[in-house]
């Protein structure tokens, strides 16, 4: 659980067009807001079920793996569904001059079922925001804005990309197979993932799978895995000050010397140099 955390930096809202107002997660109880909330809200349901009653709409259920975006100042009420002992709800509120534009593009007031990979990624970004604000307070002002923007842009991209990929893969099947491969990579990026095993799992020969993957994502499967590991390592270094390089390498499933070499090749500096900056 991430205890409710109000961003002290919200008072600096005139500096950036998008900022974090509050963030957290908890076992949600009944909450009535007849005047709405002063910031736009993004909810993620991790477990249990709950009911949202938004002004002018019927009751809507949020179940595990769903997301809801609620504009500012819209009267609403939400509470655990009947018979539910625990309803775990994650949330982040955001505001700024560009916030309404994001809300308009993303759609709002209707729970959206997310695929498992996307939900896991968004929950990770939510935790990252909470840890950033919890540890750094006002010093995290600019970085929190960047991460909030990244989170919203990630959702927008996920809503758009399936349609674009469908045009490229008219038959549909390659797209499904590659999506399964991507899910496997995100779930097991810190393990020893062999190209042969990935290809076999999604039903392709090594050569055909490699060719399809490069055609769709512009990199080989191994390069994609490496990118995921590097992004996750950056997140670990940022979220856990004082963590050792050896520990980060271990959590990425890499030998320390190899991890340092790949990190430097990717970011132009060693992990220690990154930490110092």
Protein backbone atom coordinates (compact mmCIF):
# COMPACT_ATOMS: atom_id res chain seq x y z
CA UNK A 1 0.00 0.00 0.00
CA UNK A 2 1.08 3.60 -0.69
CA UNK A 3 -0.41 5.91 1.97
CA UNK A 4 -2.21 8.97 0.61
CA UNK A 5 0.42 11.56 -0.24
CA UNK A 6 -0.31 15.18 -1.15
CA UNK A 7 2.39 16.67 -3.34
CA UNK A 8 3.78 19.72 -1.57
CA UNK A 9 5.01 20.89 -4.93
CA UNK A 10 1.41 21.43 -6.11
CA UNK A 11 1.78 24.99 -4.83
CA UNK A 12 4.30 25.56 -7.65
CA UNK A 13 1.73 24.82 -10.34
CA UNK A 14 2.51 27.99 -12.32
CA UNK A 15 5.89 26.63 -13.41
CA UNK A 16 4.82 23.61 -15.49
CA UNK A 17 1.69 22.81 -17.55
CA UNK A 18 1.26 19.41 -15.87
CA UNK A 19 1.91 18.58 -12.22
CA UNK A 20 1.05 15.95 -9.61
CA UNK A 21 -1.53 16.93 -6.98
CA UNK A 22 -1.63 13.74 -4.91
CA UNK A 23 -0.85 10.04 -5.27
CA UNK A 24 -1.33 6.82 -3.30
CA UNK A 25 -3.15 3.50 -2.94
CA UNK A 26 -5.11 1.92 -0.13
CA UNK A 27 -8.03 -0.28 0.82
CA UNK A 28 -10.70 2.07 -0.38
CA UNK A 29 -13.73 2.83 1.79
CA UNK A 30 -16.86 4.79 0.91
CA UNK A 31 -16.13 8.35 -0.18
CA UNK A 32 -18.64 11.03 -1.17
CA UNK A 33 -17.58 14.17 -3.03
CA UNK A 34 -20.70 16.23 -3.85
CA UNK A 35 -18.55 19.01 -5.35
CA UNK A 36 -16.04 16.76 -7.06
CA UNK A 37 -12.28 16.95 -6.59
CA UNK A 38 -10.13 20.01 -7.45
CA UNK A 39 -7.82 18.00 -9.73
CA UNK A 40 -8.23 15.40 -12.49
CA UNK A 41 -7.93 11.84 -11.17
CA UNK A 42 -6.66 8.55 -12.58
CA UNK A 43 -7.76 5.42 -10.70
CA UNK A 44 -6.35 1.88 -11.02
CA UNK A 45 -8.14 -1.09 -9.43
CA UNK A 46 -5.65 -3.73 -8.30
CA UNK A 47 -7.91 -6.13 -6.39
CA UNK A 48 -11.49 -6.43 -5.24
CA UNK A 49 -14.41 -4.58 -6.80
CA UNK A 50 -15.90 -1.16 -6.22
CA UNK A 51 -18.75 1.00 -7.43
CA UNK A 52 -18.43 4.52 -8.87
CA UNK A 53 -21.45 6.78 -9.00
CA UNK A 54 -20.62 9.82 -11.12
CA UNK A 55 -23.03 12.71 -11.50
CA UNK A 56 -25.32 12.18 -14.47
CA UNK A 57 -24.36 8.53 -15.06
CA UNK A 58 -25.44 5.13 -13.83
CA UNK A 59 -23.44 3.16 -11.27
CA UNK A 60 -20.27 1.63 -12.76
CA UNK A 61 -18.16 -1.20 -11.39
CA UNK A 62 -14.36 -1.16 -11.21
CA UNK A 63 -12.85 -4.64 -11.17
CA UNK A 64 -9.19 -5.77 -11.07
CA UNK A 65 -7.17 -4.50 -14.02
CA UNK A 66 -9.43 -1.53 -14.80
CA UNK A 67 -8.64 2.17 -15.08
CA UNK A 68 -10.88 5.20 -14.68
CA UNK A 69 -10.11 8.82 -15.50
CA UNK A 70 -12.30 11.39 -13.78
CA UNK A 71 -12.20 15.12 -14.65
CA UNK A 72 -11.88 17.74 -11.95
CA UNK A 73 -14.92 19.15 -10.16
CA UNK A 74 -17.32 16.39 -11.24
CA UNK A 75 -19.54 15.29 -8.31
CA UNK A 76 -19.05 11.60 -7.52
CA UNK A 77 -19.16 8.88 -4.91
CA UNK A 78 -17.40 5.53 -4.73
CA UNK A 79 -17.44 2.57 -2.37
CA UNK A 80 -16.59 -1.17 -2.23
CA UNK A 81 -19.06 -3.41 -4.06
CA UNK A 82 -21.47 -5.39 -1.84
CA UNK A 83 -19.74 -8.40 -0.32
CA UNK A 84 -16.22 -7.07 -1.00
CA UNK A 85 -14.01 -6.93 2.09
CA UNK A 86 -10.99 -5.36 0.41
CA UNK A 87 -10.99 -3.02 -2.58
CA UNK A 88 -7.46 -1.89 -3.40
CA UNK A 89 -7.50 1.30 -5.41
CA UNK A 90 -4.49 3.21 -6.66
CA UNK A 91 -4.84 6.86 -7.66
CA UNK A 92 -2.96 9.89 -8.87
CA UNK A 93 -4.46 13.37 -9.21
CA UNK A 94 -2.95 15.84 -11.64
CA UNK A 95 -3.57 19.37 -12.82
CA UNK A 96 -2.11 22.15 -14.93
CA UNK A 97 -2.97 23.96 -18.13
CA UNK A 98 -2.32 20.89 -20.31
CA UNK A 99 -4.21 18.45 -18.04
CA UNK A 100 -7.67 19.03 -19.62
CA UNK A 101 -6.23 18.28 -23.05
CA UNK A 102 -4.96 14.90 -21.86
CA UNK A 103 -8.31 14.11 -20.25
CA UNK A 104 -10.13 14.98 -23.49
CA UNK A 105 -7.84 12.75 -25.56
CA UNK A 106 -7.91 9.82 -23.14
CA UNK A 107 -11.66 9.82 -22.58
CA UNK A 108 -13.14 9.76 -19.11
CA UNK A 109 -15.82 8.66 -16.68
CA UNK A 110 -15.99 5.07 -17.99
CA UNK A 111 -13.92 2.22 -16.45
CA UNK A 112 -11.55 0.73 -19.04
CA UNK A 113 -10.26 -2.84 -18.90
CA UNK A 114 -6.50 -2.90 -19.46
CA UNK A 115 -4.39 -5.82 -20.56
CA UNK A 116 -2.21 -7.30 -17.84
CA UNK A 117 1.04 -5.88 -19.19
CA UNK A 118 -0.25 -2.33 -19.48
CA UNK A 119 -1.83 -2.43 -16.03
CA UNK A 120 1.43 -3.68 -14.50
CA UNK A 121 3.36 -0.89 -16.23
CA UNK A 122 0.94 1.80 -15.05
CA UNK A 123 0.95 0.49 -11.49
CA UNK A 124 4.75 0.55 -11.55
CA UNK A 125 4.67 4.16 -12.74
CA UNK A 126 2.22 4.97 -9.93
CA UNK A 127 4.55 3.46 -7.34
CA UNK A 128 7.48 5.30 -8.88
CA UNK A 129 5.68 8.62 -8.51
CA UNK A 130 4.78 7.88 -4.90
CA UNK A 131 8.34 6.94 -3.93
CA UNK A 132 9.73 9.98 -5.76
CA UNK A 133 7.48 12.40 -3.89
CA UNK A 134 7.79 10.56 -0.58
CA UNK A 135 11.58 10.65 -0.60
CA UNK A 136 12.33 13.95 -2.31
CA UNK A 137 9.35 16.25 -1.70
CA UNK A 138 9.67 19.62 -3.38
CA UNK A 139 13.03 18.67 -4.87
CA UNK A 140 11.19 16.25 -7.16
CA UNK A 141 9.06 18.96 -8.79
CA UNK A 142 10.40 18.73 -12.33
CA UNK A 143 10.91 14.96 -12.32
CA UNK A 144 7.36 14.34 -11.02
CA UNK A 145 6.00 16.42 -13.89
CA UNK A 146 8.03 14.41 -16.40
CA UNK A 147 6.83 11.11 -14.97
CA UNK A 148 3.20 12.22 -14.91
CA UNK A 149 3.48 13.28 -18.54
CA UNK A 150 5.11 9.95 -19.40
CA UNK A 151 2.34 8.03 -17.65
CA UNK A 152 -0.46 9.84 -19.49
CA UNK A 153 1.36 9.63 -22.80
CA UNK A 154 1.90 5.90 -22.26
CA UNK A 155 -1.86 5.43 -21.82
CA UNK A 156 -2.58 7.48 -24.94
CA UNK A 157 -0.05 5.46 -26.94
CA UNK A 158 -1.57 2.19 -25.76
CA UNK A 159 -5.00 3.32 -26.97
CA UNK A 160 -3.65 4.26 -30.37
CA UNK A 161 -1.06 1.63 -31.21
CA UNK A 162 -3.33 -1.46 -31.49
CA UNK A 163 -5.26 0.19 -34.32
CA UNK A 164 -2.08 1.16 -36.12
CA UNK A 165 -0.58 -2.30 -35.70
CA UNK A 166 -3.77 -3.86 -37.00
CA UNK A 167 -3.34 -1.94 -40.24
CA UNK A 168 0.19 -3.27 -40.59
CA UNK A 169 -0.75 -6.84 -39.70
CA UNK A 170 -3.96 -7.26 -41.65
CA UNK A 171 -4.21 -10.95 -40.90
CA UNK A 172 -4.04 -10.25 -37.17
CA UNK A 173 -2.20 -13.39 -36.08
CA UNK A 174 1.38 -12.00 -36.15
CA UNK A 175 0.19 -9.12 -33.99
CA UNK A 176 -1.30 -11.49 -31.42
CA UNK A 177 1.85 -13.61 -31.34
CA UNK A 178 4.12 -10.62 -30.89
CA UNK A 179 1.91 -9.19 -28.16
CA UNK A 180 2.27 -12.49 -26.30
CA UNK A 181 6.03 -12.33 -26.76
CA UNK A 182 6.11 -8.76 -25.41
CA UNK A 183 4.10 -9.85 -22.39
CA UNK A 184 6.55 -12.68 -21.72
CA UNK A 185 9.47 -10.27 -21.97
CA UNK A 186 7.92 -7.78 -19.54
CA UNK A 187 7.04 -10.56 -17.09
CA UNK A 188 10.44 -12.29 -17.23
CA UNK A 189 12.93 -9.62 -18.35
CA UNK A 190 15.17 -10.38 -15.34
CA UNK A 191 15.49 -14.06 -16.25
CA UNK A 192 17.47 -15.86 -18.94
CA UNK A 193 15.24 -15.39 -21.99
CA UNK A 194 16.43 -17.32 -25.01
CA UNK A 195 15.29 -16.34 -28.49
CA UNK A 196 14.53 -19.98 -29.25
CA UNK A 197 12.22 -20.27 -26.25
CA UNK A 198 10.38 -17.05 -27.07
CA UNK A 199 9.88 -18.09 -30.69
CA UNK A 200 8.70 -21.57 -29.71
CA UNK A 201 6.25 -20.18 -27.14
CA UNK A 202 4.46 -18.00 -29.70
CA UNK A 203 4.58 -20.66 -32.43
CA UNK A 204 7.26 -19.43 -34.84
CA UNK A 205 10.65 -20.53 -36.04
CA UNK A 206 13.57 -18.51 -34.68
CA UNK A 207 14.24 -16.85 -38.04
CA UNK A 208 10.60 -15.94 -38.73
CA UNK A 209 10.01 -14.65 -35.19
CA UNK A 210 13.16 -12.53 -35.29
CA UNK A 211 12.17 -11.08 -38.67
CA UNK A 212 8.62 -10.23 -37.53
CA UNK A 213 9.87 -8.68 -34.32
CA UNK A 214 12.37 -6.42 -36.09
CA UNK A 215 9.73 -5.44 -38.64
CA UNK A 216 7.26 -4.41 -35.91
CA UNK A 217 9.55 -2.87 -33.28
CA UNK A 218 12.70 -1.88 -35.16
CA UNK A 219 14.99 -3.89 -32.85
CA UNK A 220 15.79 -7.54 -32.22
CA UNK A 221 14.11 -9.35 -29.30
CA UNK A 222 17.39 -9.32 -27.37
CA UNK A 223 17.83 -5.59 -27.94
CA UNK A 224 14.26 -5.06 -26.70
CA UNK A 225 14.97 -7.10 -23.56
CA UNK A 226 18.12 -5.05 -23.01
CA UNK A 227 16.14 -1.80 -23.33
CA UNK A 228 13.61 -3.02 -20.74
CA UNK A 229 16.41 -3.96 -18.34
CA UNK A 230 18.11 -0.60 -18.73
CA UNK A 231 14.87 1.34 -18.14
CA UNK A 232 14.10 -0.78 -15.08
CA UNK A 233 17.62 -0.28 -13.74
CA UNK A 234 17.24 3.51 -14.04
CA UNK A 235 13.99 3.23 -12.12
CA UNK A 236 15.65 1.20 -9.36
CA UNK A 237 18.51 3.69 -9.05
CA UNK A 238 16.07 6.59 -8.82
CA UNK A 239 13.59 4.94 -6.47
CA UNK A 240 16.10 3.37 -4.08
CA UNK A 241 18.94 5.77 -3.23
CA UNK A 242 21.88 3.84 -1.81
CA UNK A 243 21.14 0.60 -3.62
CA UNK A 244 24.34 -1.10 -4.74
CA UNK A 245 25.24 -1.57 -8.40
CA UNK A 246 25.63 -5.28 -7.70
CA UNK A 247 22.08 -5.45 -6.35
CA UNK A 248 20.67 -3.66 -9.39
CA UNK A 249 22.54 -5.97 -11.75
CA UNK A 250 21.27 -8.98 -9.83
CA UNK A 251 17.67 -7.81 -10.09
CA UNK A 252 18.14 -7.34 -13.84
CA UNK A 253 19.42 -10.91 -14.13
CA UNK A 254 22.84 -9.72 -15.32
CA UNK A 255 26.43 -10.10 -14.15
CA UNK A 256 27.70 -6.87 -12.62
CA UNK A 257 30.53 -6.23 -15.11
CA UNK A 258 28.23 -6.92 -18.07
CA UNK A 259 25.50 -4.71 -16.60
CA UNK A 260 27.95 -1.80 -16.16
CA UNK A 261 29.20 -2.21 -19.73
CA UNK A 262 25.69 -2.24 -21.24
CA UNK A 263 24.56 0.66 -19.03
CA UNK A 264 27.49 2.80 -20.20
CA UNK A 265 26.87 1.86 -23.83
CA UNK A 266 23.19 2.83 -23.44
CA UNK A 267 23.47 6.05 -21.42
CA UNK A 268 27.04 7.19 -22.05
CA UNK A 269 28.00 6.92 -18.38
CA UNK A 270 28.48 4.25 -15.73
CA UNK A 271 25.81 3.59 -13.10
CA UNK A 272 27.98 5.28 -10.45
CA UNK A 273 28.35 8.38 -12.61
CA UNK A 274 24.58 8.41 -13.10
CA UNK A 275 24.02 8.23 -9.33
CA UNK A 276 26.41 11.11 -8.67
CA UNK A 277 24.54 13.33 -11.11
